[in-house]
Amino acid sequence: ADFQDYDVILTTYGILESEYSDHLNKKESQLFSCEWFRVILDEAHYIKGRQTKTTKEAHALGSEYRWCLTGTPLQNNLDDMFSLLQFLRLDTWGEYFWWNTYINKYTSHDEAAKLIRGILKPIILRRTKKSTYLDGTNILELPKKEINNVFVKLTHEERAIYNGFFQGSKKQFNEMVSSGTLQYEYAHVFELLIRLRQVWDH
């Protein structure tokens, strides 16, 4: 399909990775041959590691405007924010020499956090459940939360499937613990838990 025929194109980080491989190998890639009007990263914290493939792929997209949408811009440390600023192509703030010098090395954590707040203030739009319009009305009106606890007993086949996923996840987790990399694998552990939840919910 010709992207020019559409106003909005939705894709995934997985497809982005596949297309980027083609792009690097000089093969035709629609995603990377376009100059987009606006690229919006949903769950933008996926590009938090500045050296990861996903980050490099997102940065390689050509666009006039760039947005990042995320509920968790910081997960482990202040350095998580750098890749988002680099993706947004903000002069100075998106240069790692500056970031490493003034955020990572030569200021206290509190001073660095204050500096980051100053950087973000003019570029961030934050909404909470209590955010209001100028007239004082709530931007979002949510119905009252209702909690129902339903206890489900799995069939023998369902339990076998779940246990298979659980044992695989447990093995990966134990490998991270034994290798001493657990503190750097927050996102991976979270992904394992999500997969288990999805299997159970299904």
N, C-alpha and C. Protein backbone atom coordinates (compact mmCIF):
# COMPACT_ATOMS: atom_id res chain seq x y z
N ALA A 1 0.83 -1.19 0.00
CA ALA A 1 0.00 0.00 0.00
C ALA A 1 0.87 1.25 0.00
N ASP A 2 0.37 2.31 -0.63
CA ASP A 2 1.09 3.58 -0.67
C ASP A 2 0.69 4.41 0.55
N PHE A 3 1.66 4.72 1.39
CA PHE A 3 1.37 5.48 2.61
C PHE A 3 0.76 6.84 2.30
N GLN A 4 1.02 7.36 1.11
CA GLN A 4 0.49 8.68 0.76
C GLN A 4 -1.04 8.67 0.69
N ASP A 5 -1.64 7.50 0.60
CA ASP A 5 -3.10 7.40 0.51
C ASP A 5 -3.78 7.49 1.89
N TYR A 6 -3.00 7.54 2.96
CA TYR A 6 -3.56 7.49 4.31
C TYR A 6 -3.14 8.71 5.14
N ASP A 7 -4.04 9.10 6.03
CA ASP A 7 -3.74 10.22 6.93
C ASP A 7 -2.96 9.78 8.15
N VAL A 8 -3.23 8.55 8.63
CA VAL A 8 -2.59 8.04 9.85
C VAL A 8 -2.10 6.62 9.58
N ILE A 9 -0.87 6.34 9.99
CA ILE A 9 -0.30 5.00 9.89
C ILE A 9 0.03 4.54 11.31
N LEU A 10 -0.49 3.37 11.70
CA LEU A 10 -0.17 2.78 13.00
C LEU A 10 0.76 1.60 12.80
N THR A 11 1.76 1.49 13.65
CA THR A 11 2.67 0.34 13.56
C THR A 11 3.11 -0.04 14.97
N THR A 12 3.98 -1.03 15.06
CA THR A 12 4.47 -1.50 16.35
C THR A 12 5.98 -1.36 16.40
N TYR A 13 6.53 -1.47 17.60
CA TYR A 13 7.99 -1.43 17.73
C TYR A 13 8.62 -2.64 17.04
N GLY A 14 7.91 -3.76 17.01
CA GLY A 14 8.41 -4.96 16.34
C GLY A 14 8.54 -4.76 14.84
N ILE A 15 7.53 -4.15 14.24
CA ILE A 15 7.58 -3.87 12.79
C ILE A 15 8.66 -2.84 12.50
N LEU A 16 8.78 -1.86 13.40
CA LEU A 16 9.82 -0.85 13.25
C LEU A 16 11.20 -1.51 13.20
N GLU A 17 11.41 -2.51 14.06
CA GLU A 17 12.69 -3.22 14.08
C GLU A 17 12.93 -3.96 12.77
N SER A 18 11.90 -4.63 12.26
CA SER A 18 12.03 -5.37 11.00
C SER A 18 12.34 -4.42 9.84
N GLU A 19 11.62 -3.31 9.79
CA GLU A 19 11.83 -2.33 8.71
C GLU A 19 13.21 -1.69 8.80
N TYR A 20 13.68 -1.49 10.03
CA TYR A 20 14.99 -0.85 10.21
C TYR A 20 16.10 -1.76 9.69
N SER A 21 15.94 -3.06 9.90
CA SER A 21 16.92 -4.01 9.36
C SER A 21 17.00 -3.89 7.85
N ASP A 22 15.83 -3.79 7.19
CA ASP A 22 15.81 -3.61 5.74
C ASP A 22 16.49 -2.30 5.34
N HIS A 23 16.19 -1.26 6.11
CA HIS A 23 16.75 0.07 5.85
C HIS A 23 18.28 0.04 5.92
N LEU A 24 18.82 -0.63 6.94
CA LEU A 24 20.27 -0.70 7.10
C LEU A 24 20.92 -1.52 5.99
N ASN A 25 20.17 -2.51 5.47
CA ASN A 25 20.68 -3.37 4.40
C ASN A 25 20.36 -2.83 3.01
N LYS A 26 19.98 -1.55 2.97
CA LYS A 26 19.71 -0.87 1.69
C LYS A 26 18.52 -1.47 0.94
N LYS A 27 17.64 -2.18 1.66
CA LYS A 27 16.43 -2.69 1.05
C LYS A 27 15.32 -1.66 1.18
N GLU A 28 14.28 -1.81 0.39
CA GLU A 28 13.18 -0.85 0.43
C GLU A 28 12.46 -0.90 1.77
N SER A 29 12.26 0.25 2.38
CA SER A 29 11.57 0.34 3.66
C SER A 29 10.64 1.55 3.61
N GLN A 30 9.33 1.30 3.65
CA GLN A 30 8.39 2.41 3.57
C GLN A 30 8.47 3.32 4.80
N LEU A 31 8.65 2.72 5.97
CA LEU A 31 8.68 3.53 7.19
C LEU A 31 9.85 4.51 7.20
N PHE A 32 10.99 4.08 6.67
CA PHE A 32 12.19 4.91 6.74
C PHE A 32 12.47 5.69 5.46
N SER A 33 11.66 5.46 4.42
CA SER A 33 11.83 6.24 3.20
C SER A 33 10.92 7.47 3.20
N CYS A 34 10.01 7.54 4.16
CA CYS A 34 9.07 8.67 4.26
C CYS A 34 9.63 9.77 5.16
N GLU A 35 9.27 10.99 4.84
CA GLU A 35 9.49 12.10 5.76
C GLU A 35 8.12 12.39 6.36
N TRP A 36 7.91 11.93 7.58
CA TRP A 36 6.61 12.01 8.22
C TRP A 36 6.33 13.43 8.69
N PHE A 37 5.05 13.78 8.72
CA PHE A 37 4.67 15.06 9.29
C PHE A 37 4.81 15.03 10.81
N ARG A 38 4.30 13.95 11.42
CA ARG A 38 4.40 13.81 12.87
C ARG A 38 4.58 12.34 13.24
N VAL A 39 5.55 12.04 14.06
CA VAL A 39 5.73 10.70 14.61
C VAL A 39 5.41 10.75 16.09
N ILE A 40 4.51 9.90 16.53
CA ILE A 40 4.10 9.84 17.93
C ILE A 40 4.47 8.47 18.49
N LEU A 41 5.31 8.45 19.51
CA LEU A 41 5.67 7.20 20.17
C LEU A 41 4.71 6.97 21.33
N ASP A 42 3.89 5.92 21.24
CA ASP A 42 3.08 5.53 22.39
C ASP A 42 3.93 4.61 23.26
N GLU A 43 3.71 4.66 24.58
CA GLU A 43 4.56 3.91 25.51
C GLU A 43 6.03 4.23 25.21
N ALA A 44 6.32 5.54 25.17
CA ALA A 44 7.63 6.01 24.72
C ALA A 44 8.77 5.55 25.63
N HIS A 45 8.46 5.09 26.85
CA HIS A 45 9.54 4.62 27.73
C HIS A 45 10.23 3.38 27.17
N TYR A 46 9.68 2.77 26.10
CA TYR A 46 10.37 1.64 25.47
C TYR A 46 11.71 2.06 24.87
N ILE A 47 11.92 3.35 24.65
CA ILE A 47 13.19 3.80 24.07
C ILE A 47 14.10 4.41 25.14
N LYS A 48 13.89 4.05 26.40
CA LYS A 48 14.65 4.68 27.48
C LYS A 48 16.15 4.39 27.42
N GLY A 49 16.56 3.24 26.92
CA GLY A 49 17.99 2.93 26.84
C GLY A 49 18.59 3.52 25.58
N ARG A 50 19.53 4.46 25.71
CA ARG A 50 20.01 5.19 24.54
C ARG A 50 20.77 4.32 23.56
N GLN A 51 21.26 3.14 23.99
CA GLN A 51 22.02 2.28 23.10
C GLN A 51 21.20 1.12 22.53
N THR A 52 19.91 1.03 22.89
CA THR A 52 19.12 -0.11 22.43
C THR A 52 18.73 0.05 20.96
N LYS A 53 18.44 -1.09 20.33
CA LYS A 53 18.03 -1.07 18.93
C LYS A 53 16.74 -0.28 18.74
N THR A 54 15.80 -0.48 19.66
CA THR A 54 14.51 0.21 19.55
C THR A 54 14.70 1.72 19.55
N THR A 55 15.58 2.20 20.41
CA THR A 55 15.86 3.64 20.49
C THR A 55 16.45 4.15 19.18
N LYS A 56 17.44 3.43 18.66
CA LYS A 56 18.09 3.86 17.41
C LYS A 56 17.11 3.85 16.24
N GLU A 57 16.22 2.87 16.24
CA GLU A 57 15.23 2.77 15.17
C GLU A 57 14.26 3.95 15.21
N ALA A 58 13.79 4.27 16.40
CA ALA A 58 12.86 5.39 16.54
C ALA A 58 13.52 6.71 16.15
N HIS A 59 14.78 6.88 16.56
CA HIS A 59 15.51 8.11 16.23
C HIS A 59 15.71 8.27 14.73
N ALA A 60 15.80 7.14 14.02
CA ALA A 60 16.09 7.18 12.58
C ALA A 60 14.89 7.59 11.73
N LEU A 61 13.70 7.60 12.32
CA LEU A 61 12.51 8.02 11.55
C LEU A 61 12.59 9.51 11.26
N GLY A 62 12.34 9.87 10.01
CA GLY A 62 12.35 11.28 9.64
C GLY A 62 10.98 11.90 9.85
N SER A 63 10.93 13.07 10.51
CA SER A 63 9.63 13.72 10.75
C SER A 63 9.82 15.19 11.05
N GLU A 64 8.76 15.95 10.76
CA GLU A 64 8.79 17.38 11.07
C GLU A 64 8.50 17.62 12.54
N TYR A 65 7.57 16.84 13.09
CA TYR A 65 7.21 16.98 14.50
C TYR A 65 7.32 15.63 15.19
N ARG A 66 7.62 15.66 16.50
CA ARG A 66 7.77 14.42 17.27
C ARG A 66 7.09 14.57 18.63
N TRP A 67 6.35 13.54 19.01
CA TRP A 67 5.69 13.51 20.31
C TRP A 67 6.07 12.21 21.03
N CYS A 68 6.11 12.26 22.35
CA CYS A 68 6.30 11.07 23.18
C CYS A 68 5.13 10.98 24.15
N LEU A 69 4.45 9.83 24.17
CA LEU A 69 3.36 9.59 25.12
C LEU A 69 3.80 8.49 26.08
N THR A 70 3.77 8.76 27.37
CA THR A 70 4.13 7.75 28.35
C THR A 70 3.60 8.14 29.73
N GLY A 71 3.25 7.12 30.49
CA GLY A 71 2.85 7.36 31.88
C GLY A 71 4.02 7.19 32.82
N THR A 72 5.13 6.65 32.32
CA THR A 72 6.31 6.40 33.16
C THR A 72 7.59 6.83 32.45
N PRO A 73 7.82 8.14 32.30
CA PRO A 73 9.03 8.60 31.61
C PRO A 73 10.31 8.23 32.36
N LEU A 74 10.21 8.08 33.68
CA LEU A 74 11.36 7.65 34.48
C LEU A 74 11.00 6.33 35.15
N GLN A 75 11.83 5.30 34.94
CA GLN A 75 11.58 4.01 35.56
C GLN A 75 12.67 3.63 36.56
N ASN A 76 13.91 3.82 36.16
CA ASN A 76 15.02 3.42 37.02
C ASN A 76 15.86 4.60 37.51
N ASN A 77 16.18 5.52 36.62
CA ASN A 77 17.01 6.66 37.01
C ASN A 77 16.78 7.82 36.05
N LEU A 78 17.40 8.96 36.34
CA LEU A 78 17.19 10.16 35.53
C LEU A 78 17.66 9.99 34.09
N ASP A 79 18.60 9.08 33.89
CA ASP A 79 19.14 8.86 32.54
C ASP A 79 18.07 8.31 31.59
N ASP A 80 16.99 7.73 32.14
CA ASP A 80 15.91 7.23 31.29
C ASP A 80 15.31 8.33 30.43
N MET A 81 15.37 9.56 30.93
CA MET A 81 14.75 10.69 30.22
C MET A 81 15.55 11.11 28.99
N PHE A 82 16.84 10.80 28.97
CA PHE A 82 17.69 11.31 27.88
C PHE A 82 17.21 10.87 26.51
N SER A 83 16.88 9.58 26.35
CA SER A 83 16.49 9.08 25.03
C SER A 83 15.24 9.77 24.51
N LEU A 84 14.33 10.12 25.42
CA LEU A 84 13.11 10.82 25.00
C LEU A 84 13.46 12.21 24.47
N LEU A 85 14.35 12.91 25.19
CA LEU A 85 14.75 14.25 24.75
C LEU A 85 15.54 14.17 23.44
N GLN A 86 16.35 13.13 23.30
CA GLN A 86 17.10 12.95 22.06
C GLN A 86 16.16 12.66 20.90
N PHE A 87 15.15 11.82 21.14
CA PHE A 87 14.18 11.53 20.10
C PHE A 87 13.46 12.81 19.66
N LEU A 88 13.15 13.68 20.63
CA LEU A 88 12.45 14.93 20.33
C LEU A 88 13.35 15.94 19.62
N ARG A 89 14.65 15.59 19.55
CA ARG A 89 15.65 16.44 18.89
C ARG A 89 15.72 17.84 19.47
N LEU A 90 15.79 17.88 20.78
CA LEU A 90 15.94 19.17 21.47
C LEU A 90 17.41 19.53 21.51
N ASP A 91 17.76 20.66 20.95
CA ASP A 91 19.15 21.10 20.94
C ASP A 91 19.70 21.15 22.36
N THR A 92 20.94 20.80 22.51
CA THR A 92 21.68 20.75 23.77
C THR A 92 21.19 19.63 24.68
N TRP A 93 19.89 19.68 25.07
CA TRP A 93 19.37 18.68 26.02
C TRP A 93 19.45 17.27 25.44
N GLY A 94 19.40 17.15 24.12
CA GLY A 94 19.46 15.84 23.48
C GLY A 94 20.86 15.42 23.07
N GLU A 95 21.88 16.12 23.59
CA GLU A 95 23.27 15.77 23.31
C GLU A 95 23.86 15.10 24.54
N TYR A 96 24.37 13.88 24.36
CA TYR A 96 24.76 13.10 25.54
C TYR A 96 25.95 13.69 26.27
N PHE A 97 26.86 14.39 25.59
CA PHE A 97 27.99 15.00 26.30
C PHE A 97 27.47 15.97 27.36
N TRP A 98 26.52 16.82 26.96
CA TRP A 98 25.95 17.77 27.92
C TRP A 98 25.23 17.03 29.04
N TRP A 99 24.39 16.06 28.64
CA TRP A 99 23.59 15.31 29.62
C TRP A 99 24.49 14.59 30.63
N ASN A 100 25.52 13.92 30.13
CA ASN A 100 26.41 13.16 31.00
C ASN A 100 27.16 14.09 31.95
N THR A 101 27.52 15.27 31.46
CA THR A 101 28.27 16.22 32.26
C THR A 101 27.43 16.85 33.36
N TYR A 102 26.24 17.32 33.00
CA TYR A 102 25.46 18.11 33.95
C TYR A 102 24.36 17.33 34.67
N ILE A 103 23.99 16.18 34.17
CA ILE A 103 22.96 15.39 34.85
C ILE A 103 23.58 14.19 35.56
N ASN A 104 24.43 13.45 34.87
CA ASN A 104 24.96 12.21 35.43
C ASN A 104 26.13 12.40 36.39
N LYS A 105 27.01 13.39 36.12
CA LYS A 105 28.28 13.41 36.85
C LYS A 105 28.44 14.52 37.89
N TYR A 106 28.17 15.74 37.50
CA TYR A 106 28.68 16.84 38.30
C TYR A 106 27.64 17.59 39.12
N THR A 107 26.50 17.01 39.31
CA THR A 107 25.50 17.65 40.17
C THR A 107 24.90 16.59 41.07
N SER A 108 24.33 17.04 42.19
CA SER A 108 23.64 16.10 43.07
C SER A 108 22.36 15.64 42.39
N HIS A 109 21.78 14.56 42.90
CA HIS A 109 20.53 14.04 42.33
C HIS A 109 19.44 15.10 42.38
N ASP A 110 19.34 15.82 43.50
CA ASP A 110 18.30 16.84 43.64
C ASP A 110 18.51 17.98 42.64
N GLU A 111 19.77 18.39 42.45
CA GLU A 111 20.06 19.46 41.50
C GLU A 111 19.75 19.01 40.07
N ALA A 112 20.11 17.75 39.77
CA ALA A 112 19.85 17.22 38.43
C ALA A 112 18.34 17.14 38.18
N ALA A 113 17.59 16.69 39.19
CA ALA A 113 16.13 16.58 39.05
C ALA A 113 15.52 17.96 38.83
N LYS A 114 16.04 18.96 39.53
CA LYS A 114 15.54 20.34 39.37
C LYS A 114 15.83 20.85 37.96
N LEU A 115 17.01 20.54 37.46
CA LEU A 115 17.38 20.97 36.11
C LEU A 115 16.48 20.30 35.07
N ILE A 116 16.20 19.00 35.26
CA ILE A 116 15.33 18.28 34.32
C ILE A 116 13.92 18.87 34.35
N ARG A 117 13.43 19.20 35.54
CA ARG A 117 12.09 19.82 35.63
C ARG A 117 12.06 21.13 34.85
N GLY A 118 13.15 21.88 34.90
CA GLY A 118 13.22 23.13 34.14
C GLY A 118 13.22 22.90 32.64
N ILE A 119 13.88 21.81 32.21
CA ILE A 119 13.90 21.46 30.79
C ILE A 119 12.51 21.04 30.32
N LEU A 120 11.83 20.25 31.14
CA LEU A 120 10.54 19.66 30.75
C LEU A 120 9.38 20.65 30.81
N LYS A 121 9.47 21.64 31.69
CA LYS A 121 8.32 22.53 31.91
C LYS A 121 7.74 23.11 30.63
N PRO A 122 8.55 23.62 29.70
CA PRO A 122 7.95 24.21 28.49
C PRO A 122 7.55 23.19 27.41
N ILE A 123 7.91 21.91 27.58
CA ILE A 123 7.64 20.96 26.50
C ILE A 123 6.69 19.83 26.90
N ILE A 124 6.34 19.75 28.18
CA ILE A 124 5.54 18.61 28.63
C ILE A 124 4.09 19.03 28.87
N LEU A 125 3.18 18.14 28.53
CA LEU A 125 1.76 18.34 28.80
C LEU A 125 1.32 17.17 29.67
N ARG A 126 1.00 17.46 30.92
CA ARG A 126 0.69 16.39 31.87
C ARG A 126 -0.78 16.44 32.25
N ARG A 127 -1.42 15.29 32.24
CA ARG A 127 -2.82 15.19 32.62
C ARG A 127 -2.97 14.14 33.71
N THR A 128 -3.73 14.47 34.75
CA THR A 128 -4.03 13.51 35.81
C THR A 128 -5.55 13.38 35.91
N LYS A 129 -6.01 12.47 36.77
CA LYS A 129 -7.45 12.28 36.95
C LYS A 129 -8.11 13.55 37.52
N LYS A 130 -7.30 14.40 38.16
CA LYS A 130 -7.84 15.61 38.77
C LYS A 130 -7.65 16.86 37.91
N SER A 131 -7.11 16.70 36.70
CA SER A 131 -6.91 17.85 35.81
C SER A 131 -8.25 18.46 35.42
N THR A 132 -8.29 19.80 35.35
CA THR A 132 -9.55 20.50 35.04
C THR A 132 -9.35 21.46 33.87
N TYR A 133 -10.49 21.82 33.26
CA TYR A 133 -10.50 22.89 32.26
C TYR A 133 -10.41 24.22 32.99
N LEU A 134 -10.28 25.30 32.24
CA LEU A 134 -10.17 26.63 32.84
C LEU A 134 -11.41 26.99 33.66
N ASP A 135 -12.57 26.43 33.30
CA ASP A 135 -13.79 26.74 34.04
C ASP A 135 -13.95 25.89 35.31
N GLY A 136 -12.95 25.01 35.57
CA GLY A 136 -12.99 24.21 36.79
C GLY A 136 -13.60 22.83 36.65
N THR A 137 -14.19 22.53 35.48
CA THR A 137 -14.78 21.19 35.30
C THR A 137 -13.67 20.18 34.99
N ASN A 138 -13.89 18.96 35.42
CA ASN A 138 -12.88 17.91 35.21
C ASN A 138 -12.74 17.57 33.73
N ILE A 139 -11.50 17.38 33.29
CA ILE A 139 -11.24 16.96 31.92
C ILE A 139 -11.75 15.54 31.71
N LEU A 140 -11.61 14.72 32.73
CA LEU A 140 -12.01 13.32 32.64
C LEU A 140 -12.97 12.99 33.76
N GLU A 141 -14.15 12.52 33.40
CA GLU A 141 -15.15 12.09 34.39
C GLU A 141 -15.23 10.57 34.36
N LEU A 142 -14.65 9.95 35.36
CA LEU A 142 -14.67 8.50 35.42
C LEU A 142 -15.82 8.00 36.29
N PRO A 143 -16.44 6.90 35.90
CA PRO A 143 -17.48 6.34 36.77
C PRO A 143 -16.86 5.80 38.05
N LYS A 144 -17.66 5.64 39.07
CA LYS A 144 -17.17 5.14 40.34
C LYS A 144 -16.60 3.73 40.14
N LYS A 145 -15.44 3.49 40.74
CA LYS A 145 -14.78 2.20 40.59
C LYS A 145 -15.57 1.11 41.33
N GLU A 146 -15.74 0.00 40.65
CA GLU A 146 -16.43 -1.14 41.25
C GLU A 146 -15.51 -2.35 41.18
N ILE A 147 -15.27 -3.00 42.31
CA ILE A 147 -14.36 -4.13 42.38
C ILE A 147 -15.15 -5.41 42.63
N ASN A 148 -14.98 -6.39 41.76
CA ASN A 148 -15.60 -7.71 41.93
C ASN A 148 -14.49 -8.76 41.94
N ASN A 149 -14.36 -9.48 43.02
CA ASN A 149 -13.39 -10.56 43.10
C ASN A 149 -14.04 -11.86 42.63
N VAL A 150 -13.47 -12.44 41.58
CA VAL A 150 -13.99 -13.69 41.04
C VAL A 150 -12.87 -14.72 41.11
N PHE A 151 -13.08 -15.78 41.86
CA PHE A 151 -12.07 -16.82 42.01
C PHE A 151 -12.31 -17.91 40.95
N VAL A 152 -11.28 -18.11 40.12
CA VAL A 152 -11.41 -19.02 38.99
C VAL A 152 -10.52 -20.24 39.21
N LYS A 153 -11.08 -21.41 39.02
CA LYS A 153 -10.29 -22.63 39.10
C LYS A 153 -9.98 -23.09 37.68
N LEU A 154 -8.69 -23.22 37.39
CA LEU A 154 -8.29 -23.62 36.05
C LEU A 154 -8.56 -25.11 35.84
N THR A 155 -8.85 -25.44 34.58
CA THR A 155 -8.97 -26.86 34.23
C THR A 155 -7.57 -27.46 34.23
N HIS A 156 -7.49 -28.78 34.16
CA HIS A 156 -6.19 -29.46 34.15
C HIS A 156 -5.34 -28.98 32.97
N GLU A 157 -5.96 -28.84 31.80
CA GLU A 157 -5.22 -28.39 30.61
C GLU A 157 -4.75 -26.94 30.76
N GLU A 158 -5.62 -26.05 31.28
CA GLU A 158 -5.26 -24.64 31.48
C GLU A 158 -4.12 -24.51 32.48
N ARG A 159 -4.19 -25.30 33.56
CA ARG A 159 -3.13 -25.26 34.57
C ARG A 159 -1.80 -25.72 33.98
N ALA A 160 -1.82 -26.73 33.13
CA ALA A 160 -0.59 -27.23 32.50
C ALA A 160 0.03 -26.15 31.61
N ILE A 161 -0.81 -25.45 30.85
CA ILE A 161 -0.32 -24.38 29.97
C ILE A 161 0.29 -23.26 30.81
N TYR A 162 -0.43 -22.84 31.86
CA TYR A 162 0.07 -21.76 32.71
C TYR A 162 1.38 -22.15 33.38
N ASN A 163 1.43 -23.37 33.91
CA ASN A 163 2.65 -23.83 34.59
C ASN A 163 3.85 -23.83 33.65
N GLY A 164 3.61 -24.17 32.37
CA GLY A 164 4.70 -24.14 31.39
C GLY A 164 5.27 -22.74 31.24
N PHE A 165 4.40 -21.75 31.10
CA PHE A 165 4.85 -20.36 31.02
C PHE A 165 5.52 -19.92 32.31
N PHE A 166 4.93 -20.33 33.45
CA PHE A 166 5.47 -19.94 34.75
C PHE A 166 6.89 -20.47 34.95
N GLN A 167 7.11 -21.75 34.62
CA GLN A 167 8.44 -22.34 34.80
C GLN A 167 9.47 -21.66 33.89
N GLY A 168 9.05 -21.35 32.65
CA GLY A 168 9.96 -20.65 31.74
C GLY A 168 10.33 -19.27 32.26
N SER A 169 9.34 -18.55 32.79
CA SER A 169 9.58 -17.21 33.34
C SER A 169 10.46 -17.29 34.58
N LYS A 170 10.18 -18.29 35.42
CA LYS A 170 10.97 -18.46 36.65
C LYS A 170 12.43 -18.75 36.33
N LYS A 171 12.66 -19.56 35.30
CA LYS A 171 14.03 -19.88 34.89
C LYS A 171 14.76 -18.62 34.43
N GLN A 172 14.09 -17.79 33.61
CA GLN A 172 14.71 -16.54 33.15
C GLN A 172 15.00 -15.61 34.31
N PHE A 173 14.06 -15.54 35.25
CA PHE A 173 14.24 -14.67 36.42
C PHE A 173 15.44 -15.15 37.25
N ASN A 174 15.52 -16.44 37.51
CA ASN A 174 16.62 -16.98 38.30
C ASN A 174 17.97 -16.77 37.61
N GLU A 175 17.99 -16.82 36.28
CA GLU A 175 19.23 -16.56 35.54
C GLU A 175 19.68 -15.12 35.72
N MET A 176 18.71 -14.19 35.74
CA MET A 176 19.05 -12.78 35.96
C MET A 176 19.61 -12.57 37.37
N VAL A 177 19.00 -13.27 38.35
CA VAL A 177 19.47 -13.15 39.74
C VAL A 177 20.88 -13.70 39.86
N SER A 178 21.12 -14.89 39.31
CA SER A 178 22.44 -15.53 39.44
C SER A 178 23.53 -14.78 38.68
N SER A 179 23.17 -14.11 37.59
CA SER A 179 24.18 -13.37 36.82
C SER A 179 24.39 -11.96 37.37
N GLY A 180 23.55 -11.54 38.31
CA GLY A 180 23.70 -10.22 38.93
C GLY A 180 23.18 -9.07 38.08
N THR A 181 22.33 -9.38 37.08
CA THR A 181 21.83 -8.33 36.18
C THR A 181 20.40 -7.90 36.49
N LEU A 182 19.83 -8.43 37.57
CA LEU A 182 18.42 -8.18 37.87
C LEU A 182 18.08 -6.70 37.94
N GLN A 183 18.97 -5.91 38.56
CA GLN A 183 18.69 -4.49 38.73
C GLN A 183 18.63 -3.73 37.40
N TYR A 184 19.19 -4.32 36.33
CA TYR A 184 19.15 -3.67 35.02
C TYR A 184 18.05 -4.24 34.12
N GLU A 185 17.33 -5.22 34.65
CA GLU A 185 16.35 -5.95 33.82
C GLU A 185 14.91 -5.67 34.25
N TYR A 186 14.67 -4.49 34.80
CA TYR A 186 13.33 -4.14 35.30
C TYR A 186 12.27 -4.35 34.23
N ALA A 187 12.51 -3.84 33.03
CA ALA A 187 11.51 -3.92 31.97
C ALA A 187 11.28 -5.38 31.56
N HIS A 188 12.34 -6.18 31.55
CA HIS A 188 12.21 -7.59 31.17
C HIS A 188 11.38 -8.36 32.20
N VAL A 189 11.63 -8.10 33.49
CA VAL A 189 10.86 -8.76 34.55
C VAL A 189 9.39 -8.36 34.43
N PHE A 190 9.15 -7.09 34.19
CA PHE A 190 7.78 -6.61 34.03
C PHE A 190 7.09 -7.32 32.86
N GLU A 191 7.83 -7.52 31.77
CA GLU A 191 7.29 -8.20 30.60
C GLU A 191 6.92 -9.65 30.93
N LEU A 192 7.77 -10.33 31.72
CA LEU A 192 7.48 -11.71 32.13
C LEU A 192 6.18 -11.77 32.93
N LEU A 193 6.01 -10.81 33.84
CA LEU A 193 4.78 -10.78 34.65
C LEU A 193 3.55 -10.50 33.79
N ILE A 194 3.70 -9.61 32.82
CA ILE A 194 2.59 -9.29 31.92
C ILE A 194 2.17 -10.53 31.13
N ARG A 195 3.17 -11.28 30.63
CA ARG A 195 2.87 -12.49 29.86
C ARG A 195 2.10 -13.50 30.72
N LEU A 196 2.52 -13.68 31.96
CA LEU A 196 1.83 -14.60 32.86
C LEU A 196 0.39 -14.13 33.11
N ARG A 197 0.23 -12.83 33.28
CA ARG A 197 -1.11 -12.29 33.51
C ARG A 197 -1.99 -12.51 32.27
N GLN A 198 -1.41 -12.31 31.10
CA GLN A 198 -2.18 -12.51 29.87
C GLN A 198 -2.62 -13.96 29.71
N VAL A 199 -1.72 -14.89 30.00
CA VAL A 199 -2.07 -16.30 29.91
C VAL A 199 -3.19 -16.63 30.88
N TRP A 200 -3.09 -16.12 32.10
CA TRP A 200 -4.10 -16.39 33.12
C TRP A 200 -5.45 -15.77 32.72
N ASP A 201 -5.40 -14.52 32.27
CA ASP A 201 -6.64 -13.84 31.88
C ASP A 201 -7.32 -14.53 30.70
N HIS A 202 -6.51 -15.05 29.79
CA HIS A 202 -7.07 -15.70 28.61
C HIS A 202 -7.84 -16.97 29.00
